[in-house]
Structures are given as C-alpha cells and as structure tokens.
Amino acid sequence: MAADIQQAGTIAKAEAERAKVSSGNLEKMASDAGVVLTGMKEIAKGAEESVVALHQAVKATNLINDSAEEMTKAATEAATAAEQGLTAAQEIAQAVEEIASQADQLQNG
C-alpha cells in the first residue's frame, strides 16, 4: 500500500510538473497573442490611414480632371474666337480693297 501511495505521489508530482510547463506555455501563448494583436491593430490603423489618403487622392484627381476639362473648354473657345477674328480681319481687308478699287475708279474715271 505504501508503494501505491508513493507511486500515486510520483504520478501526481509528474502531472503537476507537466501542468506547470503547460501553464508556462499558455502564458507565453497569451503574451505572443497580445503582441500579434498589437501588430494587427497597427496594421489596421495604417490601412485606415491609407484609405483616407486614397480618398484624398481621388478628390485631387477629380479636381485636376475638372480643371483640365475647363482648360480644354477655354482653349476651344479661344480657338473659335481667333477663327472669328481672322474671318473678320479678312472681311475688313476685302472691304478695304473694294473701297480702294472704287477710289481708283473715281480718280481715273
């Protein structure tokens, strides 16, 4: 009986040592999980900041696009105005030639 009690004590001691090791492993896992969680929170924060930056980049791109469209419209209007100015200058030149021709005819007439 004493041997059974001694064997039971030895087994209990071994189980206690294994439990101690397991407990230490669990504490290490909990600590490691905390480090991983902290890293994941930092990654999430970085991702949120990237999303904000991307939204700002989209807004800036849209503003640039709008400005480019306005510049294109203004350039088109300027080209149209230049064409109209050229046409008017040609008409004036034609009128001046006709007046000069009529003046010559009156003088030589």
N, C-alpha and C. Protein backbone atom coordinates (compact mmCIF):
# COMPACT_ATOMS: atom_id res chain seq x y z
N MET A 1 0.80 -1.18 0.00
CA MET A 1 0.00 0.00 0.00
C MET A 1 0.86 1.27 0.00
N ALA A 2 1.92 1.23 0.78
CA ALA A 2 2.82 2.37 0.82
C ALA A 2 3.42 2.61 -0.56
N ALA A 3 3.67 1.52 -1.27
CA ALA A 3 4.23 1.65 -2.62
C ALA A 3 3.21 2.29 -3.54
N ASP A 4 1.95 1.92 -3.38
CA ASP A 4 0.88 2.51 -4.20
C ASP A 4 0.76 4.00 -3.92
N ILE A 5 0.87 4.35 -2.65
CA ILE A 5 0.78 5.75 -2.28
C ILE A 5 1.98 6.51 -2.83
N GLN A 6 3.15 5.90 -2.75
CA GLN A 6 4.37 6.54 -3.25
C GLN A 6 4.27 6.69 -4.77
N GLN A 7 3.77 5.67 -5.46
CA GLN A 7 3.62 5.74 -6.91
C GLN A 7 2.59 6.81 -7.28
N ALA A 8 1.50 6.89 -6.54
CA ALA A 8 0.49 7.91 -6.80
C ALA A 8 1.08 9.29 -6.58
N GLY A 9 1.92 9.44 -5.56
CA GLY A 9 2.58 10.73 -5.32
C GLY A 9 3.52 11.09 -6.44
N THR A 10 4.27 10.10 -6.93
CA THR A 10 5.20 10.33 -8.05
C THR A 10 4.43 10.74 -9.30
N ILE A 11 3.33 10.05 -9.55
CA ILE A 11 2.49 10.37 -10.71
C ILE A 11 1.90 11.77 -10.55
N ALA A 12 1.43 12.11 -9.36
CA ALA A 12 0.86 13.44 -9.11
C ALA A 12 1.91 14.51 -9.28
N LYS A 13 3.14 14.21 -8.80
CA LYS A 13 4.23 15.19 -8.95
C LYS A 13 4.55 15.40 -10.43
N ALA A 14 4.58 14.32 -11.21
CA ALA A 14 4.86 14.43 -12.64
C ALA A 14 3.75 15.20 -13.33
N GLU A 15 2.51 14.93 -12.97
CA GLU A 15 1.38 15.66 -13.54
C GLU A 15 1.46 17.14 -13.19
N ALA A 16 1.86 17.43 -11.96
CA ALA A 16 2.00 18.83 -11.53
C ALA A 16 3.08 19.52 -12.34
N GLU A 17 4.19 18.84 -12.62
CA GLU A 17 5.26 19.43 -13.43
C GLU A 17 4.78 19.69 -14.86
N ARG A 18 4.04 18.71 -15.41
CA ARG A 18 3.51 18.91 -16.76
C ARG A 18 2.51 20.07 -16.78
N ALA A 19 1.70 20.18 -15.75
CA ALA A 19 0.74 21.28 -15.66
C ALA A 19 1.47 22.61 -15.55
N LYS A 20 2.59 22.60 -14.81
CA LYS A 20 3.39 23.83 -14.66
C LYS A 20 3.96 24.24 -16.02
N VAL A 21 4.49 23.26 -16.76
CA VAL A 21 5.02 23.53 -18.09
C VAL A 21 3.91 24.02 -19.01
N SER A 22 2.76 23.36 -18.97
CA SER A 22 1.62 23.76 -19.80
C SER A 22 1.17 25.17 -19.44
N SER A 23 1.13 25.46 -18.15
CA SER A 23 0.74 26.79 -17.71
C SER A 23 1.72 27.84 -18.23
N GLY A 24 2.99 27.53 -18.19
CA GLY A 24 4.01 28.45 -18.73
C GLY A 24 3.84 28.64 -20.23
N ASN A 25 3.55 27.53 -20.92
CA ASN A 25 3.33 27.62 -22.38
C ASN A 25 2.10 28.47 -22.69
N LEU A 26 1.05 28.31 -21.90
CA LEU A 26 -0.16 29.10 -22.11
C LEU A 26 0.10 30.59 -21.86
N GLU A 27 0.89 30.89 -20.83
CA GLU A 27 1.24 32.29 -20.55
C GLU A 27 2.04 32.88 -21.71
N LYS A 28 2.96 32.09 -22.26
CA LYS A 28 3.77 32.55 -23.41
C LYS A 28 2.87 32.77 -24.62
N MET A 29 1.92 31.84 -24.83
CA MET A 29 1.00 31.99 -25.96
C MET A 29 0.13 33.23 -25.78
N ALA A 30 -0.32 33.50 -24.55
CA ALA A 30 -1.13 34.68 -24.29
C ALA A 30 -0.32 35.94 -24.55
N SER A 31 0.94 35.94 -24.13
CA SER A 31 1.81 37.09 -24.36
C SER A 31 2.03 37.30 -25.86
N ASP A 32 2.32 36.19 -26.57
CA ASP A 32 2.53 36.27 -28.02
C ASP A 32 1.26 36.75 -28.72
N ALA A 33 0.11 36.30 -28.26
CA ALA A 33 -1.16 36.73 -28.86
C ALA A 33 -1.35 38.23 -28.65
N GLY A 34 -0.93 38.73 -27.50
CA GLY A 34 -1.02 40.17 -27.24
C GLY A 34 -0.15 40.95 -28.20
N VAL A 35 1.05 40.44 -28.46
CA VAL A 35 1.96 41.11 -29.41
C VAL A 35 1.35 41.09 -30.81
N VAL A 36 0.79 39.94 -31.20
CA VAL A 36 0.16 39.83 -32.53
C VAL A 36 -1.02 40.79 -32.62
N LEU A 37 -1.83 40.87 -31.57
CA LEU A 37 -2.99 41.76 -31.57
C LEU A 37 -2.55 43.21 -31.72
N THR A 38 -1.51 43.59 -31.00
CA THR A 38 -0.98 44.95 -31.12
C THR A 38 -0.52 45.23 -32.55
N GLY A 39 0.17 44.26 -33.15
CA GLY A 39 0.61 44.42 -34.54
C GLY A 39 -0.56 44.54 -35.50
N MET A 40 -1.58 43.74 -35.27
CA MET A 40 -2.76 43.80 -36.14
C MET A 40 -3.47 45.14 -36.01
N LYS A 41 -3.52 45.68 -34.79
CA LYS A 41 -4.14 47.00 -34.61
C LYS A 41 -3.36 48.07 -35.35
N GLU A 42 -2.03 47.97 -35.31
CA GLU A 42 -1.20 48.94 -36.04
C GLU A 42 -1.41 48.82 -37.55
N ILE A 43 -1.52 47.59 -38.02
CA ILE A 43 -1.77 47.37 -39.45
C ILE A 43 -3.13 47.94 -39.84
N ALA A 44 -4.14 47.71 -38.99
CA ALA A 44 -5.48 48.24 -39.27
C ALA A 44 -5.46 49.76 -39.30
N LYS A 45 -4.73 50.37 -38.36
CA LYS A 45 -4.63 51.83 -38.34
C LYS A 45 -3.96 52.34 -39.61
N GLY A 46 -2.89 51.66 -40.02
CA GLY A 46 -2.21 52.04 -41.27
C GLY A 46 -3.13 51.89 -42.47
N ALA A 47 -3.93 50.84 -42.48
CA ALA A 47 -4.87 50.63 -43.59
C ALA A 47 -5.92 51.74 -43.61
N GLU A 48 -6.41 52.13 -42.43
CA GLU A 48 -7.39 53.22 -42.37
C GLU A 48 -6.77 54.52 -42.89
N GLU A 49 -5.53 54.77 -42.51
CA GLU A 49 -4.86 55.99 -42.99
C GLU A 49 -4.66 55.93 -44.50
N SER A 50 -4.38 54.74 -45.02
CA SER A 50 -4.23 54.59 -46.47
C SER A 50 -5.55 54.85 -47.18
N VAL A 51 -6.64 54.39 -46.60
CA VAL A 51 -7.96 54.62 -47.21
C VAL A 51 -8.25 56.12 -47.25
N VAL A 52 -7.96 56.82 -46.16
CA VAL A 52 -8.18 58.28 -46.13
C VAL A 52 -7.31 58.95 -47.19
N ALA A 53 -6.06 58.54 -47.28
CA ALA A 53 -5.16 59.13 -48.28
C ALA A 53 -5.65 58.85 -49.69
N LEU A 54 -6.15 57.65 -49.93
CA LEU A 54 -6.67 57.31 -51.26
C LEU A 54 -7.91 58.13 -51.60
N HIS A 55 -8.78 58.35 -50.61
CA HIS A 55 -9.95 59.20 -50.85
C HIS A 55 -9.51 60.62 -51.21
N GLN A 56 -8.49 61.12 -50.53
CA GLN A 56 -7.99 62.45 -50.83
C GLN A 56 -7.37 62.48 -52.22
N ALA A 57 -6.67 61.41 -52.59
CA ALA A 57 -6.07 61.35 -53.93
C ALA A 57 -7.15 61.33 -55.00
N VAL A 58 -8.25 60.62 -54.74
CA VAL A 58 -9.37 60.59 -55.70
C VAL A 58 -9.96 61.99 -55.85
N LYS A 59 -10.14 62.69 -54.72
CA LYS A 59 -10.67 64.06 -54.79
C LYS A 59 -9.74 64.95 -55.59
N ALA A 60 -8.43 64.84 -55.32
CA ALA A 60 -7.46 65.67 -56.05
C ALA A 60 -7.48 65.33 -57.54
N THR A 61 -7.56 64.06 -57.86
CA THR A 61 -7.61 63.64 -59.27
C THR A 61 -8.86 64.19 -59.95
N ASN A 62 -9.98 64.16 -59.24
CA ASN A 62 -11.21 64.71 -59.81
C ASN A 62 -11.09 66.21 -60.04
N LEU A 63 -10.46 66.91 -59.09
CA LEU A 63 -10.25 68.35 -59.27
C LEU A 63 -9.35 68.63 -60.47
N ILE A 64 -8.30 67.84 -60.61
CA ILE A 64 -7.39 68.00 -61.75
C ILE A 64 -8.15 67.73 -63.05
N ASN A 65 -8.97 66.70 -63.05
CA ASN A 65 -9.76 66.36 -64.23
C ASN A 65 -10.72 67.50 -64.59
N ASP A 66 -11.39 68.03 -63.55
CA ASP A 66 -12.31 69.14 -63.79
C ASP A 66 -11.57 70.35 -64.35
N SER A 67 -10.40 70.63 -63.79
CA SER A 67 -9.60 71.76 -64.28
C SER A 67 -9.16 71.53 -65.73
N ALA A 68 -8.76 70.31 -66.03
CA ALA A 68 -8.34 70.00 -67.41
C ALA A 68 -9.51 70.18 -68.37
N GLU A 69 -10.70 69.77 -67.96
CA GLU A 69 -11.87 69.95 -68.81
C GLU A 69 -12.17 71.43 -69.02
N GLU A 70 -12.04 72.22 -67.96
CA GLU A 70 -12.26 73.67 -68.08
C GLU A 70 -11.22 74.30 -69.01
N MET A 71 -9.97 73.84 -68.88
CA MET A 71 -8.91 74.37 -69.75
C MET A 71 -9.18 74.01 -71.21
N THR A 72 -9.64 72.80 -71.44
CA THR A 72 -9.97 72.37 -72.81
C THR A 72 -11.10 73.22 -73.37
N LYS A 73 -12.11 73.45 -72.54
CA LYS A 73 -13.24 74.27 -72.98
C LYS A 73 -12.78 75.70 -73.29
N ALA A 74 -11.93 76.26 -72.41
CA ALA A 74 -11.43 77.62 -72.63
C ALA A 74 -10.57 77.69 -73.89
N ALA A 75 -9.73 76.67 -74.11
CA ALA A 75 -8.89 76.65 -75.30
C ALA A 75 -9.74 76.55 -76.56
N THR A 76 -10.78 75.76 -76.52
CA THR A 76 -11.69 75.63 -77.66
C THR A 76 -12.38 76.96 -77.94
N GLU A 77 -12.84 77.60 -76.88
CA GLU A 77 -13.48 78.92 -77.05
C GLU A 77 -12.50 79.94 -77.60
N ALA A 78 -11.25 79.90 -77.12
CA ALA A 78 -10.23 80.83 -77.62
C ALA A 78 -9.95 80.58 -79.10
N ALA A 79 -9.88 79.31 -79.48
CA ALA A 79 -9.63 78.98 -80.89
C ALA A 79 -10.79 79.45 -81.76
N THR A 80 -12.01 79.29 -81.26
CA THR A 80 -13.19 79.76 -82.01
C THR A 80 -13.14 81.28 -82.15
N ALA A 81 -12.80 81.96 -81.06
CA ALA A 81 -12.71 83.43 -81.11
C ALA A 81 -11.61 83.87 -82.08
N ALA A 82 -10.49 83.16 -82.09
CA ALA A 82 -9.39 83.50 -83.01
C ALA A 82 -9.84 83.30 -84.46
N GLU A 83 -10.57 82.23 -84.72
CA GLU A 83 -11.07 81.99 -86.07
C GLU A 83 -12.04 83.09 -86.50
N GLN A 84 -12.90 83.50 -85.56
CA GLN A 84 -13.85 84.57 -85.87
C GLN A 84 -13.10 85.88 -86.11
N GLY A 85 -12.05 86.12 -85.31
CA GLY A 85 -11.24 87.33 -85.51
C GLY A 85 -10.55 87.33 -86.86
N LEU A 86 -10.03 86.16 -87.25
CA LEU A 86 -9.38 86.04 -88.56
C LEU A 86 -10.38 86.30 -89.68
N THR A 87 -11.57 85.71 -89.56
CA THR A 87 -12.61 85.92 -90.57
C THR A 87 -12.97 87.40 -90.66
N ALA A 88 -13.12 88.06 -89.52
CA ALA A 88 -13.45 89.49 -89.52
C ALA A 88 -12.33 90.30 -90.16
N ALA A 89 -11.08 89.96 -89.86
CA ALA A 89 -9.95 90.68 -90.46
C ALA A 89 -9.92 90.50 -91.96
N GLN A 90 -10.22 89.29 -92.42
CA GLN A 90 -10.26 89.04 -93.86
C GLN A 90 -11.38 89.83 -94.53
N GLU A 91 -12.54 89.89 -93.86
CA GLU A 91 -13.66 90.66 -94.41
C GLU A 91 -13.31 92.14 -94.48
N ILE A 92 -12.64 92.65 -93.42
CA ILE A 92 -12.23 94.06 -93.42
C ILE A 92 -11.23 94.31 -94.54
N ALA A 93 -10.27 93.39 -94.71
CA ALA A 93 -9.28 93.55 -95.78
C ALA A 93 -9.95 93.56 -97.14
N GLN A 94 -10.94 92.69 -97.32
CA GLN A 94 -11.69 92.65 -98.58
C GLN A 94 -12.43 93.97 -98.81
N ALA A 95 -13.04 94.49 -97.73
CA ALA A 95 -13.77 95.75 -97.85
C ALA A 95 -12.82 96.89 -98.18
N VAL A 96 -11.65 96.92 -97.56
CA VAL A 96 -10.66 97.97 -97.84
C VAL A 96 -10.22 97.89 -99.29
N GLU A 97 -10.00 96.69 -99.82
CA GLU A 97 -9.60 96.53 -101.22
C GLU A 97 -10.69 97.05 -102.16
N GLU A 98 -11.94 96.75 -101.80
CA GLU A 98 -13.04 97.21 -102.63
C GLU A 98 -13.15 98.73 -102.61
N ILE A 99 -12.96 99.33 -101.41
CA ILE A 99 -13.01 100.80 -101.30
C ILE A 99 -11.86 101.42 -102.10
N ALA A 100 -10.67 100.82 -101.98
CA ALA A 100 -9.51 101.33 -102.73
C ALA A 100 -9.75 101.22 -104.22
N SER A 101 -10.35 100.13 -104.65
CA SER A 101 -10.63 99.94 -106.06
C SER A 101 -11.62 100.99 -106.57
N GLN A 102 -12.68 101.24 -105.73
CA GLN A 102 -13.67 102.24 -106.10
C GLN A 102 -13.04 103.63 -106.12
N ALA A 103 -12.13 103.89 -105.18
CA ALA A 103 -11.45 105.20 -105.16
C ALA A 103 -10.62 105.38 -106.41
N ASP A 104 -9.92 104.36 -106.86
CA ASP A 104 -9.12 104.42 -108.09
C ASP A 104 -10.01 104.70 -109.29
N GLN A 105 -11.16 104.04 -109.32
CA GLN A 105 -12.08 104.21 -110.44
C GLN A 105 -12.62 105.65 -110.48
N LEU A 106 -12.89 106.20 -109.28
CA LEU A 106 -13.38 107.57 -109.24
C LEU A 106 -12.32 108.56 -109.67
N GLN A 107 -11.08 108.30 -109.30
CA GLN A 107 -9.99 109.22 -109.67
C GLN A 107 -9.68 109.12 -111.16
N ASN A 108 -9.73 107.97 -111.67
CA ASN A 108 -9.36 107.76 -113.08
C ASN A 108 -10.58 107.87 -114.00
N GLY A 109 -11.68 107.94 -113.40
CA GLY A 109 -12.91 107.86 -114.03
C GLY A 109 -13.43 108.71 -115.03
